[in-house]
């Protein structure tokens, strides 16, 4: 399905990377959809087990970062 395609794409992107500071992705969950939360948790925690060279994904809920600056959000994308 689409979820597996997302994971496959992210894993593929890491295979072209030389270091883990080349790409960082921060998923911000808006709302409380349990299925979305489970998917983002899988993407965050299982990329390496799916063959990713680097762990490039971080996640959090929107309400947890409402007081963060853009620079802090960018930093979070590279801090796993």
C-alpha atoms as a PDB file:
ATOM      1  CA  UNK A   1       0.000   0.000   0.000  1.00  0.00           C
ATOM      2  CA  UNK A   2       0.880   3.643   0.130  1.00  0.00           C
ATOM      3  CA  UNK A   3       2.449   3.340   3.583  1.00  0.00           C
ATOM      4  CA  UNK A   4       4.950   0.755   2.385  1.00  0.00           C
ATOM      5  CA  UNK A   5       5.726   2.941  -0.628  1.00  0.00           C
ATOM      6  CA  UNK A   6       6.591   5.835   1.706  1.00  0.00           C
ATOM      7  CA  UNK A   7       8.914   3.631   3.741  1.00  0.00           C
ATOM      8  CA  UNK A   8      10.520   2.209   0.592  1.00  0.00           C
ATOM      9  CA  UNK A   9      11.096   5.720  -0.768  1.00  0.00           C
ATOM     10  CA  UNK A  10      12.701   6.892   2.481  1.00  0.00           C
ATOM     11  CA  UNK A  11      14.936   3.820   2.665  1.00  0.00           C
ATOM     12  CA  UNK A  12      15.963   4.367  -0.957  1.00  0.00           C
ATOM     13  CA  UNK A  13      16.810   8.008  -0.248  1.00  0.00           C
ATOM     14  CA  UNK A  14      19.135   6.984   2.583  1.00  0.00           C
ATOM     15  CA  UNK A  15      21.002   4.627   0.273  1.00  0.00           C
ATOM     16  CA  UNK A  16      22.159   7.623  -1.777  1.00  0.00           C
ATOM     17  CA  UNK A  17      23.388   9.531   1.288  1.00  0.00           C
ATOM     18  CA  UNK A  18      26.993   9.746   2.464  1.00  0.00           C
ATOM     19  CA  UNK A  19      26.263  11.101   5.964  1.00  0.00           C
ATOM     20  CA  UNK A  20      23.243  11.434   8.211  1.00  0.00           C
ATOM     21  CA  UNK A  21      23.317  15.235   8.142  1.00  0.00           C
ATOM     22  CA  UNK A  22      22.348  15.389   4.465  1.00  0.00           C
ATOM     23  CA  UNK A  23      18.631  14.847   5.027  1.00  0.00           C
ATOM     24  CA  UNK A  24      16.301  15.012   7.993  1.00  0.00           C
ATOM     25  CA  UNK A  25      12.533  14.681   7.969  1.00  0.00           C
ATOM     26  CA  UNK A  26      10.263  15.818  10.779  1.00  0.00           C
ATOM     27  CA  UNK A  27       6.682  14.585  10.627  1.00  0.00           C
ATOM     28  CA  UNK A  28       4.270  16.788  12.579  1.00  0.00           C
ATOM     29  CA  UNK A  29       1.054  14.966  13.407  1.00  0.00           C
ATOM     30  CA  UNK A  30      -1.997  17.202  13.358  1.00  0.00           C
ATOM     31  CA  UNK A  31      -4.898  15.732  15.301  1.00  0.00           C
ATOM     32  CA  UNK A  32      -5.142  12.437  17.139  1.00  0.00           C
ATOM     33  CA  UNK A  33      -5.795   9.828  14.453  1.00  0.00           C
ATOM     34  CA  UNK A  34      -4.568   6.540  15.957  1.00  0.00           C
ATOM     35  CA  UNK A  35      -3.765   4.985  12.565  1.00  0.00           C
ATOM     36  CA  UNK A  36      -1.672   7.986  11.534  1.00  0.00           C
ATOM     37  CA  UNK A  37       0.163   7.867  14.849  1.00  0.00           C
ATOM     38  CA  UNK A  38       0.939   4.148  14.413  1.00  0.00           C
ATOM     39  CA  UNK A  39       2.205   4.745  10.874  1.00  0.00           C
ATOM     40  CA  UNK A  40       4.447   7.650  11.917  1.00  0.00           C
ATOM     41  CA  UNK A  41       5.768   5.551  14.791  1.00  0.00           C
ATOM     42  CA  UNK A  42       6.662   2.759  12.349  1.00  0.00           C
ATOM     43  CA  UNK A  43       8.386   5.177   9.990  1.00  0.00           C
ATOM     44  CA  UNK A  44      10.302   6.730  12.876  1.00  0.00           C
ATOM     45  CA  UNK A  45      11.360   3.487  14.532  1.00  0.00           C
ATOM     46  CA  UNK A  46      11.659   0.905  11.774  1.00  0.00           C
ATOM     47  CA  UNK A  47      13.536   2.526   8.889  1.00  0.00           C
ATOM     48  CA  UNK A  48      16.855   0.948   9.845  1.00  0.00           C
ATOM     49  CA  UNK A  49      15.298  -2.509  10.144  1.00  0.00           C
ATOM     50  CA  UNK A  50      13.842  -2.022   6.646  1.00  0.00           C
ATOM     51  CA  UNK A  51      17.338  -1.376   5.250  1.00  0.00           C
ATOM     52  CA  UNK A  52      17.818   2.370   5.705  1.00  0.00           C
ATOM     53  CA  UNK A  53      21.421   3.467   5.864  1.00  0.00           C
ATOM     54  CA  UNK A  54      20.538   6.275   8.307  1.00  0.00           C
ATOM     55  CA  UNK A  55      17.636   7.118  10.604  1.00  0.00           C
ATOM     56  CA  UNK A  56      16.443  10.312   8.917  1.00  0.00           C
ATOM     57  CA  UNK A  57      12.957  10.578  10.435  1.00  0.00           C
ATOM     58  CA  UNK A  58      11.726  12.246  13.599  1.00  0.00           C
ATOM     59  CA  UNK A  59       8.110  12.781  14.616  1.00  0.00           C
ATOM     60  CA  UNK A  60       6.063  14.730  17.095  1.00  0.00           C
ATOM     61  CA  UNK A  61       2.596  16.112  17.580  1.00  0.00           C
ATOM     62  CA  UNK A  62       1.790  19.643  16.536  1.00  0.00           C
ATOM     63  CA  UNK A  63       0.718  20.657  20.041  1.00  0.00           C
ATOM     64  CA  UNK A  64       4.178  19.672  21.321  1.00  0.00           C
ATOM     65  CA  UNK A  65       5.959  22.162  19.064  1.00  0.00           C
ATOM     66  CA  UNK A  66       3.596  25.133  18.916  1.00  0.00           C
ATOM     67  CA  UNK A  67       6.057  27.262  20.885  1.00  0.00           C
ATOM     68  CA  UNK A  68       9.117  26.229  18.836  1.00  0.00           C
ATOM     69  CA  UNK A  69      10.844  28.494  16.349  1.00  0.00           C
ATOM     70  CA  UNK A  70      11.482  27.452  12.752  1.00  0.00           C
ATOM     71  CA  UNK A  71      15.150  26.965  13.618  1.00  0.00           C
ATOM     72  CA  UNK A  72      14.253  24.652  16.513  1.00  0.00           C
ATOM     73  CA  UNK A  73      11.958  22.623  14.229  1.00  0.00           C
ATOM     74  CA  UNK A  74      14.718  22.307  11.659  1.00  0.00           C
ATOM     75  CA  UNK A  75      17.090  21.108  14.349  1.00  0.00           C
ATOM     76  CA  UNK A  76      14.536  18.518  15.481  1.00  0.00           C
ATOM     77  CA  UNK A  77      14.482  17.044  11.963  1.00  0.00           C
ATOM     78  CA  UNK A  78      18.158  16.151  12.324  1.00  0.00           C
ATOM     79  CA  UNK A  79      17.991  14.923  15.919  1.00  0.00           C
ATOM     80  CA  UNK A  80      16.711  11.367  16.130  1.00  0.00           C
END
